[in-house]
């Protein structure tokens, strides 16, 4: 913004489409990674089934 003396309005006009969505940023055909395309997966709670390395199991 400082290099081109753009205001935020100019940046928004340059990098959005008329509906307001941001354009995918790219240079020389290489597109910036779209983080929104990554699926988020969470770990299920396993409680005591996770082995504890500090407590040795009882050997019978």
N, C-alpha and C. Protein backbone atom coordinates (compact mmCIF):
# COMPACT_ATOMS: atom_id res chain seq x y z
N UNK A 1 0.82 -1.18 0.00
CA UNK A 1 0.00 0.00 0.00
C UNK A 1 0.87 1.25 0.00
N UNK A 2 1.96 1.19 0.77
CA UNK A 2 2.82 2.36 0.85
C UNK A 2 3.60 2.56 -0.46
N UNK A 3 4.04 1.46 -1.07
CA UNK A 3 4.82 1.54 -2.30
C UNK A 3 4.01 2.19 -3.42
N UNK A 4 2.74 1.81 -3.56
CA UNK A 4 1.92 2.33 -4.65
C UNK A 4 1.06 3.52 -4.24
N UNK A 5 1.14 3.91 -2.98
CA UNK A 5 0.31 4.98 -2.42
C UNK A 5 -1.17 4.68 -2.59
N UNK A 6 -1.52 3.40 -2.31
CA UNK A 6 -2.91 2.97 -2.39
C UNK A 6 -3.57 3.11 -1.03
N UNK A 7 -4.83 3.42 -1.05
CA UNK A 7 -5.64 3.36 0.16
C UNK A 7 -6.27 1.97 0.21
N UNK A 8 -6.90 1.64 1.31
CA UNK A 8 -7.53 0.33 1.44
C UNK A 8 -8.59 0.14 0.35
N UNK A 9 -9.29 1.19 0.00
CA UNK A 9 -10.31 1.13 -1.04
C UNK A 9 -9.71 0.70 -2.38
N UNK A 10 -8.52 1.19 -2.69
CA UNK A 10 -7.85 0.83 -3.94
C UNK A 10 -7.41 -0.63 -3.93
N UNK A 11 -6.91 -1.10 -2.80
CA UNK A 11 -6.49 -2.50 -2.67
C UNK A 11 -7.69 -3.40 -2.86
N UNK A 12 -8.79 -3.09 -2.20
CA UNK A 12 -9.99 -3.90 -2.30
C UNK A 12 -10.52 -3.92 -3.74
N UNK A 13 -10.50 -2.80 -4.41
CA UNK A 13 -10.97 -2.73 -5.79
C UNK A 13 -10.11 -3.59 -6.70
N UNK A 14 -8.80 -3.61 -6.46
CA UNK A 14 -7.86 -4.34 -7.32
C UNK A 14 -7.94 -5.85 -7.11
N UNK A 15 -8.16 -6.30 -5.88
CA UNK A 15 -8.05 -7.72 -5.58
C UNK A 15 -9.36 -8.42 -5.25
N UNK A 16 -10.50 -7.81 -5.57
CA UNK A 16 -11.79 -8.47 -5.39
C UNK A 16 -12.57 -8.44 -6.69
N UNK A 17 -13.56 -9.33 -6.79
CA UNK A 17 -14.45 -9.34 -7.94
C UNK A 17 -15.67 -8.49 -7.57
N UNK A 18 -16.53 -8.15 -8.53
CA UNK A 18 -17.68 -7.28 -8.22
C UNK A 18 -18.59 -7.79 -7.10
N UNK A 19 -18.65 -9.12 -6.88
CA UNK A 19 -19.50 -9.63 -5.80
C UNK A 19 -18.86 -9.44 -4.43
N UNK A 20 -17.58 -9.07 -4.38
CA UNK A 20 -16.91 -8.82 -3.12
C UNK A 20 -15.96 -9.92 -2.68
N UNK A 21 -15.91 -11.04 -3.40
CA UNK A 21 -15.00 -12.13 -3.05
C UNK A 21 -13.58 -11.78 -3.45
N UNK A 22 -12.61 -12.23 -2.65
CA UNK A 22 -11.20 -11.98 -2.96
C UNK A 22 -10.76 -12.85 -4.11
N UNK A 23 -9.93 -12.31 -5.00
CA UNK A 23 -9.36 -13.08 -6.09
C UNK A 23 -8.25 -13.96 -5.53
N UNK A 24 -8.04 -15.15 -6.12
CA UNK A 24 -6.89 -15.96 -5.69
C UNK A 24 -5.60 -15.25 -6.10
N UNK A 25 -4.69 -15.08 -5.17
CA UNK A 25 -3.43 -14.38 -5.46
C UNK A 25 -2.48 -15.31 -6.19
N UNK A 26 -1.89 -14.83 -7.28
CA UNK A 26 -0.96 -15.64 -8.04
C UNK A 26 0.07 -14.74 -8.70
N UNK A 27 1.22 -15.34 -9.03
CA UNK A 27 2.28 -14.64 -9.74
C UNK A 27 2.94 -15.63 -10.68
N UNK A 28 3.03 -15.29 -11.95
CA UNK A 28 3.64 -16.15 -12.98
C UNK A 28 2.99 -17.52 -13.03
N UNK A 29 1.68 -17.60 -12.82
CA UNK A 29 0.96 -18.86 -12.89
C UNK A 29 1.00 -19.70 -11.63
N UNK A 30 1.72 -19.25 -10.61
CA UNK A 30 1.80 -19.97 -9.34
C UNK A 30 0.83 -19.32 -8.38
N UNK A 31 -0.15 -20.11 -7.90
CA UNK A 31 -1.18 -19.56 -7.03
C UNK A 31 -0.81 -19.74 -5.56
N UNK A 32 -1.12 -18.75 -4.76
CA UNK A 32 -0.89 -18.83 -3.33
C UNK A 32 -1.74 -19.95 -2.74
N UNK A 33 -1.22 -20.67 -1.76
CA UNK A 33 -1.92 -21.81 -1.17
C UNK A 33 -3.22 -21.35 -0.53
N UNK A 34 -4.30 -22.05 -0.85
CA UNK A 34 -5.62 -21.73 -0.31
C UNK A 34 -5.83 -22.50 0.99
N UNK A 35 -5.66 -21.84 2.12
CA UNK A 35 -5.77 -22.49 3.42
C UNK A 35 -7.19 -22.97 3.70
N UNK A 36 -8.18 -22.35 3.07
CA UNK A 36 -9.57 -22.75 3.28
C UNK A 36 -9.87 -24.12 2.69
N UNK A 37 -9.04 -24.62 1.79
CA UNK A 37 -9.27 -25.92 1.18
C UNK A 37 -8.80 -27.08 2.06
N UNK A 38 -8.10 -26.81 3.14
CA UNK A 38 -7.59 -27.85 4.02
C UNK A 38 -8.67 -28.29 4.99
N UNK A 39 -8.92 -29.59 5.04
CA UNK A 39 -9.93 -30.13 5.94
C UNK A 39 -9.37 -30.20 7.35
N UNK A 40 -10.15 -29.77 8.32
CA UNK A 40 -9.71 -29.79 9.72
C UNK A 40 -10.22 -31.07 10.35
N UNK A 41 -9.32 -31.83 10.96
CA UNK A 41 -9.74 -33.04 11.68
C UNK A 41 -9.23 -32.93 13.11
N UNK A 42 -10.06 -33.33 14.03
CA UNK A 42 -9.72 -33.26 15.44
C UNK A 42 -9.48 -34.66 15.98
N UNK A 43 -8.65 -34.74 17.01
CA UNK A 43 -8.42 -36.02 17.66
C UNK A 43 -9.58 -36.34 18.58
N UNK A 44 -10.01 -37.59 18.55
CA UNK A 44 -11.05 -38.02 19.47
C UNK A 44 -10.43 -38.20 20.85
N UNK A 45 -11.23 -37.96 21.89
CA UNK A 45 -10.74 -38.14 23.24
C UNK A 45 -10.62 -39.63 23.53
N UNK A 46 -9.43 -40.08 23.94
CA UNK A 46 -9.21 -41.50 24.19
C UNK A 46 -8.99 -41.81 25.66
N UNK A 47 -8.87 -40.78 26.48
CA UNK A 47 -8.78 -40.99 27.92
C UNK A 47 -7.62 -41.87 28.34
N UNK A 48 -7.89 -42.93 29.11
CA UNK A 48 -6.84 -43.79 29.68
C UNK A 48 -6.32 -44.81 28.68
N UNK A 49 -6.86 -44.86 27.49
CA UNK A 49 -6.35 -45.82 26.50
C UNK A 49 -5.02 -45.36 25.91
N UNK A 50 -4.62 -44.11 26.17
CA UNK A 50 -3.33 -43.62 25.71
C UNK A 50 -2.28 -44.15 26.68
N UNK A 51 -1.28 -44.89 26.18
CA UNK A 51 -0.27 -45.45 27.08
C UNK A 51 0.58 -44.36 27.72
N UNK A 52 0.85 -44.50 29.00
CA UNK A 52 1.67 -43.57 29.75
C UNK A 52 3.09 -44.12 29.80
N UNK A 53 4.09 -43.45 29.26
CA UNK A 53 5.45 -44.00 29.22
C UNK A 53 6.15 -44.06 30.58
N UNK A 54 5.64 -43.38 31.60
CA UNK A 54 6.31 -43.34 32.90
C UNK A 54 5.83 -44.43 33.85
N UNK A 55 4.68 -45.01 33.59
CA UNK A 55 4.18 -46.08 34.46
C UNK A 55 4.37 -47.39 33.72
N UNK A 56 5.15 -48.29 34.32
CA UNK A 56 5.41 -49.58 33.70
C UNK A 56 4.26 -50.53 34.00
N UNK A 57 3.85 -51.31 33.02
CA UNK A 57 2.76 -52.26 33.27
C UNK A 57 3.20 -53.36 34.23
N UNK A 58 2.25 -53.93 34.98
CA UNK A 58 2.55 -55.02 35.92
C UNK A 58 2.81 -56.30 35.14
N UNK A 59 3.99 -56.88 35.38
CA UNK A 59 4.33 -58.14 34.72
C UNK A 59 3.98 -59.26 35.69
N UNK A 60 3.16 -60.19 35.26
CA UNK A 60 2.75 -61.29 36.13
C UNK A 60 3.42 -62.55 35.73
